[in-house]
Structure formats: structure tokens, C-alpha cells
Amino acid sequence: MHPPGPRNFIPGAHLRALQYRPLPFLAGLAAKYGDASTFKVGPQPIFFFAHPELVREVLVTKNASFMKGLALQRTKVVLGEGLLTSEGELHKRQRRLAQPAFHRERIQHYGEIMVEQALLARDRWREGQELDVAHEMMRLTLAVVAKTLFGANVDDEADEIGAALTELMLMFPLLVHPLSDFLIKLPLPRVKRFRRALARLDQTIYGLIAERRKSERDRGDLLSMLLLATDTEGDGSGMSDLQLRDEVITIFLAGHETTANALAWTWHLLARNPEVERALHHELDTVLAGRTPTPADYPRLPYTEMVLAESMRLFPPAWGIGRYALEDVQIGEWHVPKRGLVLVSQSVTHRDARFWPDPDRFDPYRFTADAKSARPKFAYFPFGGGSRVCIGESFAWMEGVLLLATLAQRWRFEARGPVEPVALITLRPRGGMQMRVRLRA
């Protein structure tokens, strides 16, 4: 049995909706057809599941029946066979090699560097200054991921790298087009900019790899571990430069883009909810008493973490997940045929009023222990789930809390006009996020 859904009376309408306004389109499907719906883009059947239990089946219990969705497969033109895009045994092997870099003890050490970089950022700002907060958060998290995971200082290159990453993000509407494999070979202006941006990133990444191979030093960071690691559960070999490049660019992109967006949206929400901002400042003043945060303070700042969690509910950096059916599979009561495409959306499920009363309201207390235990697990899944859950989730939580705490100790931000989300590969603020910096009293 197939779920209900809209007919495509206007050729290409569903494709354009997915390319340029996917969130209103998917939210509209859930509002009209409920927990499951289906539609077509050309001959391709697409199934959209919005209920947490159906999400759980797709990502966890029936995960073996799927591979990554077609849009993400097309990002291999950027990411190669990194952790985000690789499948099967290759993905398992690469995850085994990278996992030790994200163990709890190492993340504690990374926390010290996170605070150091946040202090440098907050010392750059001045009272009354107008900033693009989205750009500032990108610059900060880029510095964090470069220093913690690759032992590199990219301050001199930060703006160039940030611009190149933005150019890659802007390719998303083209990558979801069914003819993208053909279109990205054409001499289109956007494709030319994309090629230049990719070459600029590769220049930095291959430079890091070459310098580290030459030095043969183990600096205890992710790059050192990947260079020195051998697959003891497999063939005993290590990674080639190409495999290293794919993993580094994946972590470069995923490791700073998502956290930067989460922080930018958090400042946006705090500026519009002064009672939440006051409660955040109260916790910081009480727990830290004016001193600089440390990694040991992370578990002592529960409200700060709840603020970040609620921000990622309303504006999840990863707003949707696609899966491609490798075989006929049943999700709930619905039949998904082989080669069917399945979509689930954090952005839609995170605003389902059945699990989130008054869903558009910013309320960090939705994330107390009791409130979380009362909801289905996959009512909230900002980092995905199952065997493909984000390898850096623990890293991201500590980073988000420590950066937010360090910056909010000294500064608050005033809104400077409306902000509109745009769903590219991640959920970014369209045109940036202009805000005014204010010293805390």
C-alpha cells in the first residue's frame, strides 16, 4: 500500500519545490497528508515520512535496506568517498580509523582549544559594532576544527576558505537536479565558481597532508591518527592521500558548517527572547563566577546545553535526510519499492505539535530529562541516527556549549532586521545575519 500524495499536474513543479523551497514543500505535505506521503519527480517515486517511529525504521531498524540518497551521492563530486558519502565496507573501515579521534578523553583536550579560539574571537569585537554573526561563527568554528582535528592555524586563509565553502553550499540546487551529472560538466558561471572553490580547498587540504607526511610527527590530532592508522580488522593497510583528502574535506565541511549555523541561529533566538537570554546569563554568572569556562564545566551548564538543543530543534543545521531503497521494504504500513527514494526531515518532525506543544515557541525547558523521556526518541534527531549517526556528535555538543558560554559571558547581540532561513546542504540564514554587538552589563 502506498501513502497518499499530490499529483504533479505541472511538469517539474515538485523538482523545483525540492530545489528552491524544500522546507515549505515538505511541511505542506505533512500538514495535508499526515505522517506518510508520496510524490514523483519524473519517474522517480519519493516517499516522505514525518512520524518519529517511521523515521526510526528508516534510520535504524530497516537501515540495511537503504543507502544514502541520490542528492548526497552527487556531493561525491566534492566529498569523494568520505564518511558522509561512502557506503558498505568502505564506510565501516573509514569509521573504524577515524573513531579514536572522537573518544571522550580526546574531546576533553579539544575543549581547551575550543575555549582558546572563542576568547580570541570575543576579543576582536567592539561595543556597538555591527557584525554578520553567521560569518563570525563560521570563522570561529573553522578555526576550532582546523586546530583541534588537523593541528593547523588557518587564520590567514579563513576568509578565502569560508568563501570557498559558501560557494560549495550554493551548488545544492544544482546537485539535486536529476541531470546534475551532466550540468556540472558545462561551462556555466556557477559551475566555474564551484570548480575554483573546490580547487582552493584542495590546495589547503593537500598542503596539510603533504606537510604532515613530511614531518612524520604524531601530534595527537585526527590527521595524525588517520595518517598513522592501519586497519587491523581489515587488510592492515592505511589511507592513501586521496582517501585522506576525502575524510579531511568531509570533516572540514561538516565539522564547522553545522556548529556555526547552530550558534548563529542561537544568537538570533536569544536576541528575540530576552527572558531566555537572562536565564542563560544567570547560569553562566552563577556557575563560572566570571572565570573562563573549561571542559570540566560542560556538564555544569545544563541550561546552556538546553538553549543550544532548542535552537537546533527550531533551526536544525541538517534539515533533511535522504535514503535510496536497495530492495523492497515496508516502513510502517507502507510499501517502498526497490529504487524508491525516502526522505525524512528534522525541520518538519521537530515542529510536530503532537510532540512539541506550541512548536514555534523558543523554550529550552523542552529538554529537561523528564521532558525528553516523555517523547519518542526520533521526535528529535539533529545528528541523524543509527549506524550513520554523526561521528562528531559529542564533539559538536561540547563545542557548541563551550563557545556559547565563552562568548555570552561578555557579549550579547541585538537583532538588526528579519532573517530568513535557506535550505542548502545545511540550514543557513539567507544573506547572512546582521546583528549589533553589546557588552553585557
Foldseek 3Di string as FASTA:
>chain_A
DAFAEDECPDQCPVLVCCLFPVVVVLLVGCVPRNQKYWYDNVPFIEIEGQDLQLLCCCQAVVVVQWAFDQLLCLCCVQQPQALSRNDDPVNVQNCVLQLVQQDPVLLQVLQVVLLVLLVVLLVVDDAFDKDLLLLSLLLSQLQSCCCAALVDGCNVCSVLLVVLLVLSLVCQSLSSDPCSVVVLVDPDPSSVSNVVSSVVLLVVQLVSLVVCVVVVDQPSHSSSSQVPDFRPVPDRHGDDSVRSSSHVSVCSNVRRQQLSQLLSLLLVVCQVPVVLLVVQLVQLCVQVVPDADHLVCLVVRVSLLLSSQLSCLQFQFQFKTKIAGCAWDDRPNHIAGHRHMYMYTSNNLSQPCVLCPVSVDRDSVCPDPVNCVVHNVSSHQSQRDHPSGDSCPVSSSSSNSNSCSSNSNFKHKHFDDDWDWTDGSTTHTPPGGIITIHTDD
